[in-house]
N, C-alpha and C. Protein backbone atom coordinates (compact mmCIF):
# COMPACT_ATOMS: atom_id res chain seq x y z
N UNK A 1 -2.39 28.36 -9.31
CA UNK A 1 -1.20 28.48 -8.50
C UNK A 1 0.35 27.74 -9.22
N UNK A 2 0.86 28.33 -8.50
CA UNK A 2 2.14 28.11 -9.25
C UNK A 2 2.27 26.32 -8.59
N UNK A 3 3.25 25.67 -9.63
CA UNK A 3 4.01 24.27 -9.51
C UNK A 3 4.69 24.66 -8.01
N UNK A 4 5.58 25.66 -7.70
CA UNK A 4 6.31 25.73 -6.86
C UNK A 4 5.62 25.57 -5.68
N UNK A 5 4.11 25.86 -5.43
CA UNK A 5 3.23 25.49 -4.59
C UNK A 5 2.40 24.05 -3.98
N UNK A 6 2.98 23.16 -5.11
CA UNK A 6 2.61 21.98 -4.97
C UNK A 6 3.95 20.82 -4.51
N UNK A 7 3.67 19.83 -3.61
CA UNK A 7 4.77 18.97 -3.24
C UNK A 7 5.07 18.26 -4.28
N UNK A 8 6.23 18.06 -4.59
CA UNK A 8 6.89 17.22 -5.70
C UNK A 8 7.22 15.85 -5.17
N UNK A 9 6.23 15.13 -5.94
CA UNK A 9 6.53 13.46 -5.69
C UNK A 9 8.36 12.91 -5.60
N UNK A 10 8.88 13.46 -6.08
CA UNK A 10 9.90 12.72 -6.30
C UNK A 10 11.28 13.40 -5.75
N UNK A 11 10.83 14.14 -4.33
CA UNK A 11 11.69 14.48 -3.37
C UNK A 11 11.22 13.75 -2.07
N UNK A 12 12.33 13.06 -1.13
CA UNK A 12 11.91 12.32 -0.38
C UNK A 12 10.79 13.35 1.12
N UNK A 13 11.15 14.62 1.40
CA UNK A 13 10.94 15.04 2.39
C UNK A 13 10.11 16.18 1.29
N UNK A 14 8.38 16.12 1.90
CA UNK A 14 7.72 17.29 0.96
C UNK A 14 8.35 19.02 1.07
N UNK A 15 8.27 19.14 -0.53
CA UNK A 15 9.31 20.06 -0.52
C UNK A 15 8.33 21.10 -0.30
N UNK A 16 7.18 21.61 -0.33
CA UNK A 16 6.18 22.44 0.39
C UNK A 16 6.27 22.54 2.33
N UNK A 17 6.86 21.64 2.70
CA UNK A 17 6.76 21.06 4.24
C UNK A 17 8.55 20.89 4.69
N UNK A 18 9.22 21.47 4.27
CA UNK A 18 10.47 20.85 4.84
C UNK A 18 10.77 20.40 6.17
N UNK A 19 10.00 21.10 7.11
CA UNK A 19 9.85 20.79 8.80
C UNK A 19 9.50 19.36 9.04
N UNK A 20 8.67 18.93 7.80
CA UNK A 20 7.75 17.60 8.17
C UNK A 20 8.84 16.07 7.78
N UNK A 21 9.93 16.66 8.94
CA UNK A 21 10.93 15.44 8.51
C UNK A 21 10.58 14.23 8.72
N UNK A 22 9.90 13.82 9.59
CA UNK A 22 9.09 12.49 9.57
C UNK A 22 8.56 11.95 8.78
N UNK A 23 7.87 12.58 7.85
CA UNK A 23 7.15 12.24 6.63
C UNK A 23 7.83 12.14 5.61
N UNK A 24 7.83 10.86 4.84
CA UNK A 24 8.78 10.41 3.71
C UNK A 24 7.72 9.98 2.62
N UNK A 25 7.95 10.89 1.26
CA UNK A 25 7.47 9.98 0.18
C UNK A 25 8.45 9.40 -0.43
N UNK A 26 7.48 8.31 -0.29
CA UNK A 26 8.45 6.41 -0.63
C UNK A 26 8.87 6.63 -2.01
N UNK A 27 7.96 7.26 -3.23
CA UNK A 27 8.58 6.71 -4.63
C UNK A 27 10.26 7.16 -4.67
N UNK A 28 10.54 8.11 -3.81
CA UNK A 28 11.97 8.08 -4.57
C UNK A 28 12.76 7.69 -3.15
N UNK A 29 12.07 7.02 -2.23
CA UNK A 29 13.17 6.71 -1.21
C UNK A 29 13.20 5.17 -0.76
N UNK A 30 12.98 4.32 -1.99
CA UNK A 30 13.07 2.82 -1.58
C UNK A 30 13.98 2.58 -3.07
N UNK A 31 14.76 1.87 -2.47
CA UNK A 31 15.97 1.18 -3.99
C UNK A 31 15.31 0.20 -4.42
N UNK A 32 14.81 -1.13 -3.85
CA UNK A 32 14.49 -2.38 -3.90
C UNK A 32 13.64 -2.26 -5.45
N UNK A 33 13.96 -2.96 -6.56
CA UNK A 33 13.48 -3.71 -7.74
C UNK A 33 11.75 -4.57 -7.41
N UNK A 34 12.18 -4.88 -5.88
CA UNK A 34 11.05 -5.38 -6.28
C UNK A 34 9.74 -4.86 -4.97
N UNK A 35 9.94 -3.31 -4.88
CA UNK A 35 8.90 -2.53 -4.60
C UNK A 35 8.64 -1.11 -5.03
N UNK A 36 7.24 -1.07 -5.39
CA UNK A 36 6.82 0.01 -6.22
C UNK A 36 6.05 0.78 -5.77
N UNK A 37 6.37 2.38 -5.66
CA UNK A 37 5.23 2.96 -5.12
C UNK A 37 4.90 3.94 -5.96
N UNK A 38 3.61 4.58 -5.79
CA UNK A 38 3.11 5.56 -6.51
C UNK A 38 3.54 7.17 -6.14
N UNK A 39 3.17 7.98 -6.59
CA UNK A 39 3.05 9.12 -6.62
C UNK A 39 2.55 9.84 -4.83
N UNK A 40 3.07 10.51 -4.43
CA UNK A 40 2.48 11.38 -2.93
C UNK A 40 2.33 10.49 -1.89
N UNK A 41 2.48 9.08 -2.20
CA UNK A 41 2.61 8.20 -0.84
C UNK A 41 3.69 8.23 -0.13
N UNK A 42 3.02 8.56 1.18
CA UNK A 42 3.97 8.79 2.40
C UNK A 42 3.92 7.76 3.30
N UNK A 43 5.21 7.60 4.13
CA UNK A 43 5.02 6.70 5.53
C UNK A 43 5.64 7.59 6.72
N UNK A 44 5.10 7.68 7.79
CA UNK A 44 5.63 8.70 8.72
C UNK A 44 6.35 8.13 9.73
N UNK A 45 7.38 8.25 9.58
CA UNK A 45 8.35 7.29 10.69
C UNK A 45 9.00 7.77 11.86
N UNK A 46 8.35 9.20 12.36
CA UNK A 46 8.42 9.44 13.39
C UNK A 46 9.83 9.78 14.09
N UNK A 47 10.81 10.27 12.58
CA UNK A 47 12.03 10.83 13.16
C UNK A 47 12.62 9.52 13.43
N UNK A 48 12.30 8.07 13.20
CA UNK A 48 13.05 6.76 13.31
C UNK A 48 14.40 6.71 12.84
N UNK A 49 14.04 7.47 11.46
CA UNK A 49 15.39 6.70 10.36
C UNK A 49 15.10 5.25 10.08
N UNK A 50 16.01 5.08 9.20
CA UNK A 50 16.04 3.88 8.93
C UNK A 50 15.47 3.69 7.47
N UNK A 51 15.96 3.16 6.64
CA UNK A 51 15.12 2.80 4.89
C UNK A 51 14.24 1.74 5.43
N UNK A 52 12.73 2.48 4.67
CA UNK A 52 11.31 1.66 4.75
C UNK A 52 11.61 0.39 4.44
N UNK A 53 12.39 0.08 3.14
CA UNK A 53 12.58 -1.37 2.74
C UNK A 53 13.03 -2.20 3.69
N UNK A 54 14.23 -1.55 4.20
CA UNK A 54 14.80 -2.48 5.47
C UNK A 54 13.77 -2.45 7.01
N UNK A 55 13.61 -1.88 7.25
CA UNK A 55 12.62 -1.54 8.52
C UNK A 55 11.15 -1.87 8.35
N UNK A 56 10.36 -1.68 7.33
CA UNK A 56 9.00 -1.92 7.34
C UNK A 56 8.85 -3.22 6.37
N UNK A 57 9.59 -3.83 5.68
CA UNK A 57 9.25 -4.76 4.43
C UNK A 57 10.46 -5.88 5.17
N UNK A 58 9.62 -7.19 5.49
CA UNK A 58 10.52 -7.98 6.11
C UNK A 58 10.38 -8.97 4.84
N UNK A 59 11.54 -9.78 4.93
CA UNK A 59 11.40 -11.25 4.04
C UNK A 59 11.55 -10.77 2.85
N UNK A 60 12.00 -9.95 1.92
CA UNK A 60 11.77 -9.61 0.71
C UNK A 60 12.66 -9.86 -0.71
N UNK A 61 12.43 -11.25 -0.63
CA UNK A 61 13.31 -11.80 -1.17
C UNK A 61 13.25 -12.10 -2.81
N UNK A 62 11.67 -11.77 -2.92
CA UNK A 62 11.38 -12.22 -4.38
C UNK A 62 11.25 -13.30 -4.29
N UNK A 63 10.30 -13.78 -5.70
CA UNK A 63 10.30 -12.59 -6.68
C UNK A 63 9.05 -11.98 -6.44
N UNK A 64 7.99 -12.18 -5.57
CA UNK A 64 6.53 -11.35 -5.33
C UNK A 64 7.77 -10.28 -4.88
N UNK A 65 6.17 -9.08 -5.37
CA UNK A 65 6.85 -7.88 -4.80
C UNK A 65 5.73 -7.11 -4.14
N UNK A 66 5.88 -5.86 -3.58
CA UNK A 66 5.76 -4.93 -2.73
C UNK A 66 4.61 -3.56 -3.85
N UNK A 67 3.57 -3.92 -4.31
CA UNK A 67 3.11 -2.86 -4.98
C UNK A 67 1.97 -1.76 -4.18
N UNK A 68 1.87 -0.63 -4.27
CA UNK A 68 1.54 0.73 -3.75
C UNK A 68 1.20 1.54 -4.05
N UNK A 69 -0.07 2.18 -4.38
CA UNK A 69 -0.89 2.98 -5.61
C UNK A 69 -0.26 4.59 -4.70
N UNK A 70 -0.70 5.10 -5.33
CA UNK A 70 -0.82 6.80 -5.04
C UNK A 70 -1.69 7.53 -4.07
N UNK A 71 -1.13 8.33 -3.55
CA UNK A 71 -1.85 9.11 -2.61
C UNK A 71 -2.03 7.77 -1.17
N UNK A 72 -1.50 7.24 -0.92
CA UNK A 72 -1.58 6.45 0.11
C UNK A 72 -0.29 7.15 1.38
N UNK A 73 -1.53 6.89 2.61
CA UNK A 73 -0.42 6.80 3.92
C UNK A 73 -0.37 5.94 4.69
N UNK A 74 0.79 5.71 5.12
CA UNK A 74 1.19 4.29 6.11
C UNK A 74 1.78 5.36 7.41
N UNK A 75 1.12 4.70 8.05
CA UNK A 75 1.17 5.28 9.56
C UNK A 75 2.57 4.53 10.44
N UNK A 76 3.17 4.89 11.49
CA UNK A 76 4.21 4.85 11.80
C UNK A 76 4.05 3.22 12.20
N UNK A 77 5.17 2.54 11.84
CA UNK A 77 5.30 1.22 12.08
C UNK A 77 4.82 0.14 11.33
N UNK A 78 4.15 0.70 10.19
CA UNK A 78 3.36 -0.10 9.18
C UNK A 78 4.34 -1.31 8.95
N UNK A 79 3.89 -2.84 8.72
CA UNK A 79 4.64 -3.99 8.60
C UNK A 79 3.93 -4.67 7.28
N UNK A 80 5.26 -4.93 6.51
CA UNK A 80 4.85 -5.87 5.40
C UNK A 80 5.50 -7.24 5.71
N UNK A 81 4.84 -8.07 5.99
CA UNK A 81 5.43 -9.26 5.55
C UNK A 81 5.00 -9.99 4.23
N UNK A 82 6.23 -10.11 4.17
CA UNK A 82 6.50 -10.71 2.44
C UNK A 82 6.26 -12.41 2.22
N UNK A 83 6.01 -12.73 1.33
CA UNK A 83 5.83 -14.62 1.30
C UNK A 83 7.63 -15.48 1.17
N UNK A 84 8.34 -14.38 0.83
CA UNK A 84 10.02 -15.09 1.45
C UNK A 84 10.10 -15.48 2.82
N UNK A 85 9.17 -14.54 3.94
CA UNK A 85 9.20 -15.14 5.33
C UNK A 85 8.55 -16.76 5.11
N UNK A 86 7.69 -17.32 4.68
CA UNK A 86 6.55 -18.27 4.45
C UNK A 86 7.16 -19.72 5.04
N UNK A 87 6.93 -20.36 5.77
CA UNK A 87 7.23 -22.13 6.19
C UNK A 87 6.41 -22.62 5.63
N UNK A 88 6.86 -23.71 4.89
CA UNK A 88 5.96 -24.89 4.24
C UNK A 88 4.95 -25.46 5.03
N UNK A 89 3.83 -25.58 4.67
CA UNK A 89 2.49 -25.87 5.45
C UNK A 89 1.68 -27.35 4.58
N UNK A 90 2.58 -27.56 3.65
CA UNK A 90 1.44 -28.95 3.20
C UNK A 90 1.46 -30.35 3.61
N UNK A 91 2.45 -30.21 4.61
CA UNK A 91 2.95 -31.54 5.19
C UNK A 91 3.29 -31.74 6.33
N UNK A 92 3.68 -32.66 7.00
CA UNK A 92 3.77 -32.88 8.97
C UNK A 92 4.56 -31.66 9.49
N UNK A 93 5.49 -31.33 8.21
CA UNK A 93 6.39 -30.35 9.29
C UNK A 93 6.60 -28.77 8.36
N UNK A 94 6.54 -28.01 9.68
CA UNK A 94 7.18 -26.36 9.07
C UNK A 94 8.36 -26.21 8.66
N UNK A 95 9.48 -26.93 8.98
CA UNK A 95 10.94 -26.61 9.26
C UNK A 95 11.31 -26.38 7.94
N UNK A 96 11.83 -25.16 7.69
CA UNK A 96 12.65 -24.89 6.12
C UNK A 96 13.81 -25.18 6.33
N UNK A 97 13.81 -26.98 5.63
CA UNK A 97 14.87 -27.59 5.64
C UNK A 97 15.90 -26.93 4.13
N UNK A 98 15.40 -26.29 3.19
CA UNK A 98 15.79 -26.03 1.91
C UNK A 98 16.56 -25.16 2.28
N UNK A 99 16.40 -23.65 3.34
CA UNK A 99 16.78 -22.52 3.38
C UNK A 99 18.40 -22.98 3.88
N UNK A 100 18.74 -24.01 4.63
CA UNK A 100 19.82 -24.25 4.75
C UNK A 100 20.82 -24.72 3.97
N UNK A 101 20.48 -25.02 3.17
CA UNK A 101 21.72 -25.48 1.65
C UNK A 101 21.68 -26.94 1.90
N UNK A 102 23.38 -27.15 1.54
CA UNK A 102 23.90 -28.52 1.41
C UNK A 102 23.02 -30.00 0.83
N UNK A 103 23.07 -30.45 1.87
CA UNK A 103 22.17 -32.25 1.14
C UNK A 103 20.62 -31.42 0.94
N UNK A 104 20.77 -31.06 2.48
CA UNK A 104 18.87 -30.93 2.34
C UNK A 104 18.57 -29.73 1.45
N UNK A 105 18.92 -29.14 1.19
CA UNK A 105 18.57 -28.28 -0.09
C UNK A 105 18.50 -28.96 -1.04
N UNK A 106 19.28 -29.82 -1.52
CA UNK A 106 19.83 -30.81 -2.64
C UNK A 106 18.43 -31.89 -2.52
N UNK A 107 17.83 -32.47 -1.58
CA UNK A 107 16.87 -32.94 -1.30
C UNK A 107 15.32 -32.70 -1.25
N UNK A 108 15.40 -31.32 -0.93
CA UNK A 108 13.90 -30.73 -0.68
C UNK A 108 13.63 -29.33 -1.56
N UNK A 109 14.73 -28.78 -2.54
CA UNK A 109 14.39 -27.75 -3.16
C UNK A 109 13.08 -28.12 -4.45
N UNK A 110 13.69 -29.27 -5.11
CA UNK A 110 12.27 -29.62 -5.87
C UNK A 110 10.66 -29.72 -5.33
N UNK A 111 10.68 -30.02 -4.12
CA UNK A 111 9.43 -30.14 -3.50
C UNK A 111 9.07 -29.12 -3.02
N UNK A 112 10.25 -27.97 -2.63
CA UNK A 112 9.64 -26.55 -2.09
C UNK A 112 9.25 -25.79 -3.19
N UNK A 113 10.12 -25.72 -4.61
CA UNK A 113 9.93 -25.16 -5.52
C UNK A 113 8.10 -25.66 -5.90
N UNK A 114 7.68 -26.77 -5.54
CA UNK A 114 6.17 -26.79 -5.66
C UNK A 114 5.44 -26.10 -5.60
N UNK A 115 5.71 -25.83 -4.27
CA UNK A 115 4.34 -25.47 -3.30
C UNK A 115 4.26 -24.34 -3.63
N UNK A 116 2.72 -24.04 -3.41
CA UNK A 116 2.33 -22.88 -3.90
C UNK A 116 2.41 -21.74 -2.93
N UNK A 117 2.66 -20.71 -3.57
CA UNK A 117 2.97 -19.22 -2.68
C UNK A 117 2.27 -18.34 -2.68
N UNK A 118 1.95 -17.39 -1.95
CA UNK A 118 1.54 -16.21 -2.14
C UNK A 118 2.21 -15.18 -3.54
N UNK A 119 1.05 -14.57 -4.02
CA UNK A 119 1.47 -13.61 -4.84
C UNK A 119 2.13 -12.49 -4.40
N UNK A 120 1.80 -11.28 -5.07
CA UNK A 120 2.57 -9.93 -5.31
C UNK A 120 1.63 -9.21 -4.06
N UNK A 121 1.93 -8.50 -2.99
CA UNK A 121 1.48 -7.47 -1.89
C UNK A 121 0.99 -6.43 -2.42
N UNK A 122 -0.41 -6.35 -2.40
CA UNK A 122 -0.78 -5.24 -3.42
C UNK A 122 -1.72 -3.66 -2.37
N UNK A 123 -0.98 -2.89 -2.58
CA UNK A 123 -2.24 -1.74 -1.95
C UNK A 123 -2.59 -0.74 -2.98
N UNK A 124 -3.55 -0.59 -2.90
CA UNK A 124 -4.26 0.27 -3.95
C UNK A 124 -3.89 1.68 -3.81
N UNK A 125 -4.63 2.82 -4.12
CA UNK A 125 -4.44 4.26 -3.91
C UNK A 125 -5.74 4.86 -2.89
N UNK A 126 -4.97 5.77 -2.55
CA UNK A 126 -6.34 6.66 -1.53
C UNK A 126 -5.85 5.78 -0.34
N UNK A 127 -5.19 4.47 0.33
CA UNK A 127 -5.83 3.74 1.25
C UNK A 127 -4.96 4.25 2.93
N UNK A 128 -5.14 4.42 3.28
CA UNK A 128 -4.79 4.95 5.06
C UNK A 128 -4.46 3.82 5.80
N UNK A 129 -3.23 3.02 6.29
CA UNK A 129 -3.05 2.08 6.62
C UNK A 129 -2.26 2.89 7.97
N UNK A 130 -3.19 2.50 9.11
CA UNK A 130 -2.95 2.79 10.50
C UNK A 130 -1.63 2.37 11.34
N UNK A 131 -1.21 3.18 12.32
CA UNK A 131 -0.22 2.83 13.43
C UNK A 131 0.24 1.21 13.77
N UNK A 132 1.29 0.93 13.19
CA UNK A 132 1.53 -0.56 13.44
C UNK A 132 0.59 -2.11 12.91
N UNK A 133 0.14 -1.56 12.06
CA UNK A 133 -0.71 -2.23 11.41
C UNK A 133 0.12 -3.55 10.72
N UNK A 134 -0.24 -4.85 10.40
CA UNK A 134 0.78 -5.77 9.79
C UNK A 134 0.10 -5.94 8.74
N UNK A 135 0.77 -6.13 7.40
CA UNK A 135 -0.04 -6.77 6.39
C UNK A 135 0.73 -7.91 6.02
N UNK A 136 -0.34 -8.98 6.40
CA UNK A 136 0.43 -10.60 5.37
C UNK A 136 0.84 -11.04 4.28
N UNK A 137 1.70 -11.52 3.88
CA UNK A 137 2.14 -11.81 2.66
C UNK A 137 0.75 -12.30 1.51
N UNK A 138 1.12 -11.57 0.54
CA UNK A 138 0.24 -11.52 -0.74
C UNK A 138 -1.11 -11.06 -0.62
N UNK A 139 -1.57 -10.03 0.28
CA UNK A 139 -2.92 -9.78 0.72
C UNK A 139 -2.92 -8.15 -0.76
N UNK A 140 -3.93 -7.86 -0.36
CA UNK A 140 -5.00 -7.15 -2.19
C UNK A 140 -5.31 -6.44 -0.63
N UNK A 141 -5.45 -4.88 -0.76
CA UNK A 141 -6.05 -4.16 -0.18
C UNK A 141 -6.50 -3.23 -1.36
N UNK A 142 -7.77 -2.76 -1.49
CA UNK A 142 -8.44 -1.91 -2.26
C UNK A 142 -8.44 -0.62 -2.34
N UNK A 143 -8.74 0.55 -3.40
CA UNK A 143 -8.80 1.49 -3.43
C UNK A 143 -9.69 2.30 -2.27
N UNK A 144 -9.15 3.10 -1.68
CA UNK A 144 -10.08 3.74 -0.58
C UNK A 144 -10.39 2.87 0.75
N UNK A 145 -9.68 2.23 0.77
CA UNK A 145 -9.60 1.16 2.23
C UNK A 145 -9.32 2.01 3.43
N UNK A 146 -9.57 1.34 4.54
CA UNK A 146 -8.87 2.12 5.82
C UNK A 146 -8.59 0.79 6.72
N UNK A 147 -7.45 0.83 7.32
CA UNK A 147 -6.49 -0.10 7.87
C UNK A 147 -6.81 0.49 9.55
N UNK A 148 -7.42 -0.37 10.68
CA UNK A 148 -7.05 0.69 11.61
C UNK A 148 -5.48 -0.23 12.58
N UNK A 149 -5.43 1.24 13.16
CA UNK A 149 -4.15 0.83 14.14
C UNK A 149 -3.72 -0.42 15.03
N UNK A 150 -2.86 -1.44 14.73
CA UNK A 150 -2.30 -2.29 15.06
C UNK A 150 -3.54 -3.61 14.73
N UNK A 151 -3.73 -3.23 13.53
CA UNK A 151 -4.04 -4.46 13.09
C UNK A 151 -3.51 -5.62 12.16
N UNK A 152 -4.13 -6.70 11.87
CA UNK A 152 -2.95 -8.00 11.05
C UNK A 152 -4.15 -8.30 10.13
N UNK A 153 -3.91 -7.62 8.67
CA UNK A 153 -4.93 -7.95 7.91
C UNK A 153 -4.29 -9.27 6.90
N UNK A 154 -5.10 -10.36 7.37
CA UNK A 154 -4.58 -11.77 6.89
C UNK A 154 -5.99 -12.06 5.46
N UNK A 155 -6.51 -11.40 5.26
CA UNK A 155 -7.30 -11.39 4.08
C UNK A 155 -7.44 -10.05 3.08
N UNK A 156 -7.93 -10.44 1.93
CA UNK A 156 -7.84 -9.53 1.09
C UNK A 156 -8.84 -8.30 1.60
N UNK A 157 -8.69 -6.73 1.82
CA UNK A 157 -9.40 -5.90 1.73
C UNK A 157 -10.61 -5.31 0.26
N UNK A 158 -11.69 -4.67 0.25
CA UNK A 158 -12.18 -4.20 -0.53
C UNK A 158 -12.21 -3.23 -0.68
N UNK A 159 -12.66 -2.52 -2.02
CA UNK A 159 -12.38 -0.84 -2.09
C UNK A 159 -13.36 -0.30 -0.97
N UNK A 160 -12.65 0.80 -0.38
CA UNK A 160 -13.44 1.67 0.69
C UNK A 160 -13.91 0.96 1.54
N UNK A 161 -13.66 -0.36 2.07
CA UNK A 161 -13.87 -1.33 3.52
C UNK A 161 -13.05 -0.40 4.42
N UNK A 162 -13.47 -0.71 5.81
CA UNK A 162 -12.88 0.04 6.92
C UNK A 162 -12.79 -1.73 7.93
N UNK A 163 -10.96 -1.82 8.09
CA UNK A 163 -11.12 -3.07 8.43
C UNK A 163 -10.12 -2.67 9.85
N UNK A 164 -10.54 -3.65 11.15
CA UNK A 164 -9.62 -3.39 12.25
C UNK A 164 -9.20 -4.84 12.98
N UNK A 165 -8.19 -4.76 13.81
CA UNK A 165 -8.76 -5.96 14.87
C UNK A 165 -7.82 -7.19 14.21
N UNK A 166 -7.07 -8.24 14.90
CA UNK A 166 -6.61 -9.01 15.09
C UNK A 166 -7.26 -10.81 14.69
N UNK A 167 -7.45 -11.20 14.04
CA UNK A 167 -7.30 -10.88 12.54
C UNK A 167 -8.24 -9.61 12.36
N UNK A 168 -7.74 -8.79 11.41
CA UNK A 168 -8.81 -8.04 10.81
C UNK A 168 -9.86 -8.08 10.62
N UNK A 169 -11.10 -7.23 10.66
CA UNK A 169 -12.55 -7.83 10.53
C UNK A 169 -13.00 -6.24 9.66
N UNK A 170 -14.17 -6.52 8.60
CA UNK A 170 -14.75 -5.43 8.23
C UNK A 170 -15.78 -5.07 8.96
N UNK A 171 -15.32 -3.47 9.13
CA UNK A 171 -16.47 -2.94 10.20
C UNK A 171 -17.30 -2.65 9.50
N UNK A 172 -17.34 -1.85 8.40
CA UNK A 172 -18.32 -1.16 7.59
C UNK A 172 -17.59 -0.63 6.10
N UNK A 173 -18.09 -0.42 5.20
CA UNK A 173 -17.70 0.40 4.29
C UNK A 173 -18.07 1.66 4.28
N UNK A 174 -17.35 2.28 3.84
CA UNK A 174 -17.01 3.78 3.23
C UNK A 174 -18.31 4.44 2.61
N UNK A 175 -19.02 3.72 1.99
CA UNK A 175 -20.02 4.29 1.05
C UNK A 175 -21.00 3.02 0.02
N UNK A 176 -21.82 3.59 -0.09
CA UNK A 176 -22.71 2.87 -0.44
C UNK A 176 -22.28 2.36 -1.71
N UNK A 177 -22.34 1.10 -2.40
CA UNK A 177 -21.92 0.32 -3.43
C UNK A 177 -22.19 1.22 -4.52
N UNK A 178 -23.19 2.01 -4.60
CA UNK A 178 -23.13 3.00 -5.81
C UNK A 178 -22.50 3.96 -6.09
N UNK A 179 -21.68 4.43 -5.08
CA UNK A 179 -20.72 5.50 -4.66
C UNK A 179 -19.50 4.92 -4.49
N UNK A 180 -19.62 3.69 -4.12
CA UNK A 180 -17.95 3.38 -4.54
C UNK A 180 -17.86 3.30 -5.87
N UNK A 181 -18.46 2.80 -6.85
CA UNK A 181 -18.31 2.55 -8.12
C UNK A 181 -18.35 3.68 -8.76
N UNK A 182 -18.60 4.91 -8.24
CA UNK A 182 -18.56 6.61 -8.86
C UNK A 182 -16.96 6.88 -8.65
N UNK A 183 -16.46 6.15 -7.32
CA UNK A 183 -15.01 6.80 -7.08
C UNK A 183 -14.39 5.53 -7.87
N UNK A 184 -14.58 4.40 -8.06
CA UNK A 184 -13.57 4.03 -8.50
C UNK A 184 -13.75 4.06 -10.32
N UNK A 185 -14.56 5.05 -10.59
CA UNK A 185 -14.82 4.83 -12.18
C UNK A 185 -14.08 6.75 -12.37
N UNK A 186 -14.51 7.52 -11.26
CA UNK A 186 -13.68 8.58 -11.48
C UNK A 186 -11.86 8.50 -11.30
N UNK A 187 -11.57 7.88 -10.18
CA UNK A 187 -10.36 7.37 -10.06
C UNK A 187 -9.61 9.19 -9.78
N UNK A 188 -10.36 9.90 -9.35
CA UNK A 188 -9.56 11.05 -8.93
C UNK A 188 -8.05 11.13 -8.76
N UNK A 189 -7.02 10.36 -8.27
CA UNK A 189 -5.55 9.90 -8.11
C UNK A 189 -4.82 9.95 -9.39
N UNK A 190 -6.16 9.88 -10.65
CA UNK A 190 -5.26 9.73 -11.63
C UNK A 190 -5.41 11.12 -12.30
N UNK A 191 -6.30 12.04 -11.92
CA UNK A 191 -6.53 13.25 -12.63
C UNK A 191 -5.18 13.99 -12.37
N UNK A 192 -4.60 14.95 -13.77
CA UNK A 192 -3.62 15.76 -13.45
C UNK A 192 -3.45 16.82 -11.81
N UNK A 193 -2.39 16.50 -11.80
CA UNK A 193 -1.93 17.07 -10.40
C UNK A 193 -2.16 18.59 -10.16
N UNK A 194 -2.45 19.23 -11.41
CA UNK A 194 -3.13 20.83 -10.92
C UNK A 194 -4.44 20.69 -10.42
N UNK A 195 -5.50 19.72 -11.60
CA UNK A 195 -6.88 19.44 -11.13
C UNK A 195 -6.73 19.04 -9.94
N UNK A 196 -5.76 18.18 -9.19
CA UNK A 196 -6.43 17.72 -8.00
C UNK A 196 -5.81 18.62 -6.61
N UNK A 197 -4.92 19.48 -7.63
CA UNK A 197 -4.90 21.00 -6.53
C UNK A 197 -5.97 21.75 -6.39
N UNK A 198 -6.37 21.86 -7.65
CA UNK A 198 -7.81 22.78 -7.51
C UNK A 198 -8.93 22.35 -6.77
N UNK A 199 -9.08 21.10 -7.17
CA UNK A 199 -10.20 20.44 -6.17
C UNK A 199 -10.04 19.75 -5.15
N UNK A 200 -9.18 19.88 -4.40
CA UNK A 200 -8.69 18.92 -3.43
C UNK A 200 -9.85 19.18 -2.28
N UNK A 201 -10.14 20.66 -1.89
CA UNK A 201 -11.27 20.41 -0.68
C UNK A 201 -12.41 19.60 -0.81
N UNK A 202 -12.64 19.63 -2.42
CA UNK A 202 -13.87 18.42 -2.47
C UNK A 202 -13.58 16.94 -2.72
N UNK A 203 -12.27 16.83 -2.99
CA UNK A 203 -12.14 15.44 -2.86
C UNK A 203 -11.64 15.04 -1.61
N UNK A 204 -11.85 16.01 -0.48
CA UNK A 204 -12.19 15.80 0.71
C UNK A 204 -13.09 15.38 1.48
N UNK A 205 -13.82 16.61 1.43
CA UNK A 205 -14.73 16.50 2.03
C UNK A 205 -16.20 16.64 1.31
N UNK A 206 -16.29 16.64 -0.16
CA UNK A 206 -17.46 16.21 -1.27
C UNK A 206 -17.76 15.11 -1.05
N UNK A 207 -18.78 14.87 -2.41
CA UNK A 207 -19.30 13.55 -2.54
C UNK A 207 -18.75 12.87 -3.83
N UNK A 208 -19.30 11.49 -3.64
CA UNK A 208 -18.64 10.51 -4.87
C UNK A 208 -19.20 11.35 -6.19
N UNK A 209 -20.77 11.94 -6.22
CA UNK A 209 -21.19 12.49 -6.91
C UNK A 209 -20.76 13.89 -7.91
N UNK A 210 -20.13 14.54 -6.90
CA UNK A 210 -19.06 15.50 -7.14
C UNK A 210 -18.27 15.51 -7.89
N UNK A 211 -17.01 14.21 -7.51
CA UNK A 211 -16.14 13.95 -8.13
C UNK A 211 -16.37 13.35 -9.73
N UNK A 212 -17.66 13.15 -9.69
CA UNK A 212 -18.09 12.04 -10.97
C UNK A 212 -18.09 13.41 -12.19
N UNK A 213 -18.75 14.39 -11.43
CA UNK A 213 -19.12 15.48 -12.26
C UNK A 213 -17.81 16.40 -12.66
N UNK A 214 -16.47 16.42 -12.17
CA UNK A 214 -15.76 16.45 -12.15
C UNK A 214 -14.66 16.10 -13.22
N UNK A 215 -15.09 14.54 -12.99
CA UNK A 215 -14.28 13.69 -13.69
C UNK A 215 -14.82 13.60 -15.16
N UNK A 216 -16.59 13.76 -15.27
CA UNK A 216 -16.75 13.76 -16.24
C UNK A 216 -16.16 15.37 -17.58
N UNK A 217 -16.41 16.25 -16.43
CA UNK A 217 -16.03 17.61 -17.16
C UNK A 217 -14.47 17.51 -17.98
N UNK A 218 -13.63 16.85 -16.96
CA UNK A 218 -12.37 16.81 -17.41
C UNK A 218 -12.34 16.07 -18.55
N UNK A 219 -12.89 14.40 -18.71
CA UNK A 219 -13.00 13.95 -19.99
C UNK A 219 -13.18 14.72 -20.91
N UNK A 220 -14.14 15.90 -20.54
CA UNK A 220 -14.86 16.53 -22.07
C UNK A 220 -14.01 17.39 -22.51
N UNK A 221 -13.50 17.90 -21.38
CA UNK A 221 -11.95 18.95 -21.83
C UNK A 221 -10.81 18.16 -22.40
N UNK A 222 -10.75 17.28 -22.46
CA UNK A 222 -9.51 16.21 -23.23
C UNK A 222 -9.62 16.06 -24.56
């Protein structure tokens, strides 16, 4: 297959489907140094316009980052709440005195800086996040997980788990533990794009054992 028939990850609108103007590959559509997105991860903005980092990522003040892997799909209205919007909860008041500067900041900055904050928000590879789901600060979502529409994710999500609700709870795990291990070891999303293209049907509807066999063959030939 010609490379011309494979979507180019560095082009915002899929090069093979220029009519999909609502689908945006995010790798080339973010400017913030606090956001890192892997190849072929896309967001469906339903034609609403506006930059993903401005509309969908809130309180991106740093130093915490938003890290998203490869081949992840984000439904319309998915929102990431970053730690910059957190209020202090270690004492009697949650009021953000430090934010207002002046003497309030002088008197509270040291205390504020000493309060433990969530870390980076991390979304793995091959994750599907449904419409208008909200991801709370510092959450990690494992490879292959599915987040139901309108969910509010307040806890880390293990690989290949399906979660839904507010707060999101685990509904099931997509594969048996040994198959999850096979998928985590084969890491199809890191294969050369030519191999992914050739084996796309198996990646979509095959078995973890089949992907392991493909990966074993790939390793033998490299």
